[in-house]
Amino acid sequence: MDRKQKILELARQMGLIRPRDVEAAGIHREYLLRLYRNGDLVRVGRGLYALPGAQTSEHLSLAEVAKRMPNAVICLVSALEFHHLTTQIAHSVWIAIENKKWEPKFEYPSLEIVRFSGPAFSFGVEEHEVDRITVKIYSPAKTVADSFKFRNKVGLDVSLEALQETWRSRKATMDELWEAAKVCRVANVMRPYLEAII
């Protein structure tokens, strides 16, 4: 198999590829650019390439961020939207990174970044496949608790809508919601709302 075929096969398998993926396969990144210039690949974001006409989901921007930042976790409005727990539309991709970690800078997609540490970062992380990319996203219960923690950023109305929809659609139990509230240190804030929905 020649270099072109190897790169195209990588794109078929991975969905989105970066120059470092090509180099990991033992091929110089210049061949990736040649395929892009020839129209064999399309650029879907800075440093991200896919096959022309590749089927992508509505959550492509989450896959793009996960490909560039595999340790970040999709959170808040982006996670609520992914889990179908809000009527809000995220205009940026909301991600959580650990305290003291390097803050990414790229033009597209735009990011909203929050920082967590310890259990608040690691609790409730789920892995979902989006356009053949593994994306880390907080669970519905953790996302609801986070929205109460950051209610000044996302709005209390968004938090209440998410809680009600999570409970209505049975995407989390009361125990899961309560545990997430304790981990996020918003148990006292959420208690009256949790009692109201029972």
Protein backbone atom coordinates (compact mmCIF):
# COMPACT_ATOMS: atom_id res chain seq x y z
CA MET A 1 0.00 0.00 0.00
CA ASP A 2 1.47 3.36 -0.98
CA ARG A 3 1.50 6.44 1.23
CA LYS A 4 -1.61 7.94 -0.32
CA GLN A 5 -3.61 4.78 0.28
CA LYS A 6 -2.32 4.52 3.85
CA ILE A 7 -3.40 8.08 4.63
CA LEU A 8 -6.82 7.61 3.02
CA GLU A 9 -7.28 4.37 4.97
CA LEU A 10 -6.37 6.22 8.18
CA ALA A 11 -9.03 8.82 7.36
CA ARG A 12 -11.60 6.07 6.74
CA GLN A 13 -10.79 4.38 10.06
CA MET A 14 -10.40 7.45 12.26
CA GLY A 15 -12.90 9.87 10.72
CA LEU A 16 -10.71 12.90 11.46
CA ILE A 17 -6.95 12.84 11.11
CA ARG A 18 -4.18 15.21 12.14
CA PRO A 19 -0.63 15.52 10.85
CA ARG A 20 0.63 13.69 13.97
CA ASP A 21 -1.60 10.69 13.11
CA VAL A 22 0.10 10.47 9.72
CA GLU A 23 3.55 10.81 11.27
CA ALA A 24 2.69 8.06 13.79
CA ALA A 25 2.06 5.83 10.77
CA GLY A 26 5.61 6.59 9.56
CA ILE A 27 4.61 9.04 6.81
CA HIS A 28 5.83 12.61 6.57
CA ARG A 29 3.06 15.21 7.13
CA GLU A 30 3.81 16.78 3.72
CA TYR A 31 1.91 13.88 2.09
CA LEU A 32 -1.19 14.83 4.05
CA LEU A 33 -0.99 18.38 2.70
CA ARG A 34 -0.52 17.07 -0.84
CA LEU A 35 -3.71 15.01 -0.55
CA TYR A 36 -5.53 18.08 0.77
CA ARG A 37 -4.27 20.25 -2.15
CA ASN A 38 -5.29 17.55 -4.63
CA GLY A 39 -8.81 17.38 -3.18
CA ASP A 40 -8.43 13.82 -1.83
CA LEU A 41 -9.02 15.19 1.70
CA VAL A 42 -10.91 18.22 3.02
CA ARG A 43 -9.88 20.43 5.92
CA VAL A 44 -12.63 20.48 8.55
CA GLY A 45 -10.67 22.59 11.04
CA ARG A 46 -7.18 23.83 11.61
CA GLY A 47 -4.96 20.75 11.44
CA LEU A 48 -7.94 18.39 11.02
CA TYR A 49 -8.71 16.53 7.80
CA ALA A 50 -11.41 14.12 6.60
CA LEU A 51 -12.50 12.38 3.44
CA PRO A 52 -14.63 14.51 1.11
CA GLY A 53 -18.33 13.87 1.72
CA ALA A 54 -17.67 12.05 4.98
CA GLN A 55 -20.87 11.75 6.98
CA THR A 56 -20.60 13.83 10.14
CA SER A 57 -23.01 14.26 13.01
CA GLU A 58 -24.46 17.42 14.51
CA HIS A 59 -21.77 17.08 17.19
CA LEU A 60 -18.74 17.38 14.87
CA SER A 61 -17.35 20.30 16.87
CA LEU A 62 -17.20 18.06 19.97
CA ALA A 63 -15.21 15.50 18.00
CA GLU A 64 -12.86 18.22 16.72
CA VAL A 65 -12.16 19.43 20.26
CA ALA A 66 -11.70 15.87 21.56
CA LYS A 67 -9.25 15.10 18.76
CA ARG A 68 -7.15 18.14 19.64
CA MET A 69 -7.57 17.88 23.44
CA PRO A 70 -8.15 14.25 24.45
CA ASN A 71 -7.93 15.06 28.18
CA ALA A 72 -10.64 17.76 28.14
CA VAL A 73 -14.20 16.84 29.13
CA ILE A 74 -17.25 18.29 27.40
CA CYS A 75 -19.36 20.02 30.05
CA LEU A 76 -22.17 22.44 30.89
CA VAL A 77 -24.27 23.70 27.93
CA SER A 78 -22.45 21.50 25.37
CA ALA A 79 -23.02 18.39 27.51
CA LEU A 80 -26.64 19.36 28.20
CA GLU A 81 -27.17 19.76 24.46
CA PHE A 82 -25.47 16.40 23.73
CA HIS A 83 -27.70 14.61 26.28
CA HIS A 84 -30.83 16.44 24.96
CA LEU A 85 -31.45 18.09 28.34
CA THR A 86 -31.82 21.70 27.20
CA THR A 87 -33.39 23.84 24.54
CA GLN A 88 -30.28 26.05 24.60
CA ILE A 89 -27.86 25.99 21.69
CA ALA A 90 -24.18 26.13 22.62
CA HIS A 91 -22.46 28.81 20.54
CA SER A 92 -19.08 27.62 21.84
CA VAL A 93 -17.88 24.21 22.97
CA TRP A 94 -17.84 24.11 26.78
CA ILE A 95 -14.93 22.08 28.14
CA ALA A 96 -13.56 21.30 31.57
CA ILE A 97 -9.82 21.06 32.12
CA GLU A 98 -7.89 20.34 35.27
CA ASN A 99 -6.61 23.21 37.36
CA LYS A 100 -3.10 24.30 36.40
CA LYS A 101 -3.33 22.64 32.98
CA TRP A 102 -2.41 24.56 29.86
CA GLU A 103 -5.32 26.51 28.41
CA PRO A 104 -5.78 25.77 24.70
CA LYS A 105 -5.95 28.51 22.11
CA PHE A 106 -7.50 27.88 18.75
CA GLU A 107 -9.87 29.88 16.59
CA TYR A 108 -12.41 27.24 15.67
CA PRO A 109 -14.45 25.93 17.30
CA SER A 110 -14.59 28.65 19.94
CA LEU A 111 -14.26 27.42 23.52
CA GLU A 112 -15.72 28.22 26.92
CA ILE A 113 -13.34 26.81 29.51
CA VAL A 114 -13.98 25.94 33.15
CA ARG A 115 -11.46 24.44 35.54
CA PHE A 116 -12.02 21.63 38.01
CA SER A 117 -9.74 19.73 40.36
CA GLY A 118 -9.77 16.30 41.99
CA PRO A 119 -13.11 14.46 42.11
CA ALA A 120 -14.96 17.42 40.58
CA PHE A 121 -12.94 16.82 37.38
CA SER A 122 -12.86 13.01 37.31
CA PHE A 123 -16.38 12.18 38.57
CA GLY A 124 -19.08 11.29 36.04
CA VAL A 125 -16.91 11.15 32.91
CA GLU A 126 -18.47 9.06 30.16
CA GLU A 127 -16.95 8.18 26.80
CA HIS A 128 -19.11 8.48 23.69
CA GLU A 129 -18.19 7.89 20.06
CA VAL A 130 -18.86 10.93 17.89
CA ASP A 131 -17.86 10.69 14.23
CA ARG A 132 -15.54 7.78 15.12
CA ILE A 133 -13.73 9.90 17.74
CA THR A 134 -13.91 9.03 21.45
CA VAL A 135 -15.27 12.08 23.25
CA LYS A 136 -15.28 12.49 27.03
CA ILE A 137 -18.56 14.00 28.22
CA TYR A 138 -19.91 14.38 31.73
CA SER A 139 -22.92 12.23 32.64
CA PRO A 140 -26.36 13.82 32.82
CA ALA A 141 -26.31 13.90 36.65
CA LYS A 142 -22.84 15.49 36.79
CA THR A 143 -23.78 18.00 34.09
CA VAL A 144 -26.89 19.08 35.99
CA ALA A 145 -24.84 19.53 39.19
CA ASP A 146 -22.22 21.51 37.25
CA SER A 147 -24.92 23.75 35.80
CA PHE A 148 -26.03 24.62 39.34
CA LYS A 149 -22.42 25.25 40.34
CA PHE A 150 -21.97 27.60 37.36
CA ARG A 151 -25.53 28.98 37.39
CA ASN A 152 -24.10 32.51 37.18
CA LYS A 153 -22.51 31.59 33.83
CA VAL A 154 -25.24 29.45 32.28
CA GLY A 155 -28.31 30.84 34.07
CA LEU A 156 -30.49 29.35 36.78
CA ASP A 157 -33.29 28.83 34.24
CA VAL A 158 -30.97 26.54 32.22
CA SER A 159 -30.09 24.58 35.37
CA LEU A 160 -33.75 24.13 36.34
CA GLU A 161 -34.73 23.09 32.80
CA ALA A 162 -31.89 20.55 32.77
CA LEU A 163 -32.87 19.12 36.16
CA GLN A 164 -36.52 18.78 35.16
CA GLU A 165 -35.70 17.19 31.79
CA THR A 166 -33.16 14.79 33.36
CA TRP A 167 -35.78 13.65 35.85
CA ARG A 168 -38.60 13.49 33.27
CA SER A 169 -36.54 11.49 30.77
CA ARG A 170 -35.09 9.27 33.53
CA LYS A 171 -31.53 9.91 32.45
CA ALA A 172 -30.44 9.98 36.10
CA THR A 173 -31.83 8.68 39.38
CA MET A 174 -32.29 10.79 42.48
CA ASP A 175 -29.29 9.01 44.05
CA GLU A 176 -27.10 9.88 41.04
CA LEU A 177 -28.21 13.51 41.13
CA TRP A 178 -27.60 13.73 44.88
CA GLU A 179 -24.14 12.13 44.61
CA ALA A 180 -23.18 14.55 41.81
CA ALA A 181 -24.48 17.48 43.88
CA LYS A 182 -22.24 16.44 46.78
CA VAL A 183 -19.16 15.99 44.57
CA CYS A 184 -19.74 19.42 43.00
CA ARG A 185 -20.43 20.95 46.44
CA VAL A 186 -23.88 22.22 45.50
CA ALA A 187 -25.99 19.87 47.65
CA ASN A 188 -27.45 22.75 49.69
CA VAL A 189 -28.24 24.72 46.53
CA MET A 190 -29.88 21.75 44.77
CA ARG A 191 -31.73 20.23 47.76
CA PRO A 192 -34.93 22.33 47.50
CA TYR A 193 -35.14 21.76 43.73
CA LEU A 194 -34.57 18.01 44.12
CA GLU A 195 -37.26 17.83 46.81
CA ALA A 196 -39.65 19.76 44.57
CA ILE A 197 -39.43 17.33 41.65
CA ILE A 198 -40.08 14.15 43.66
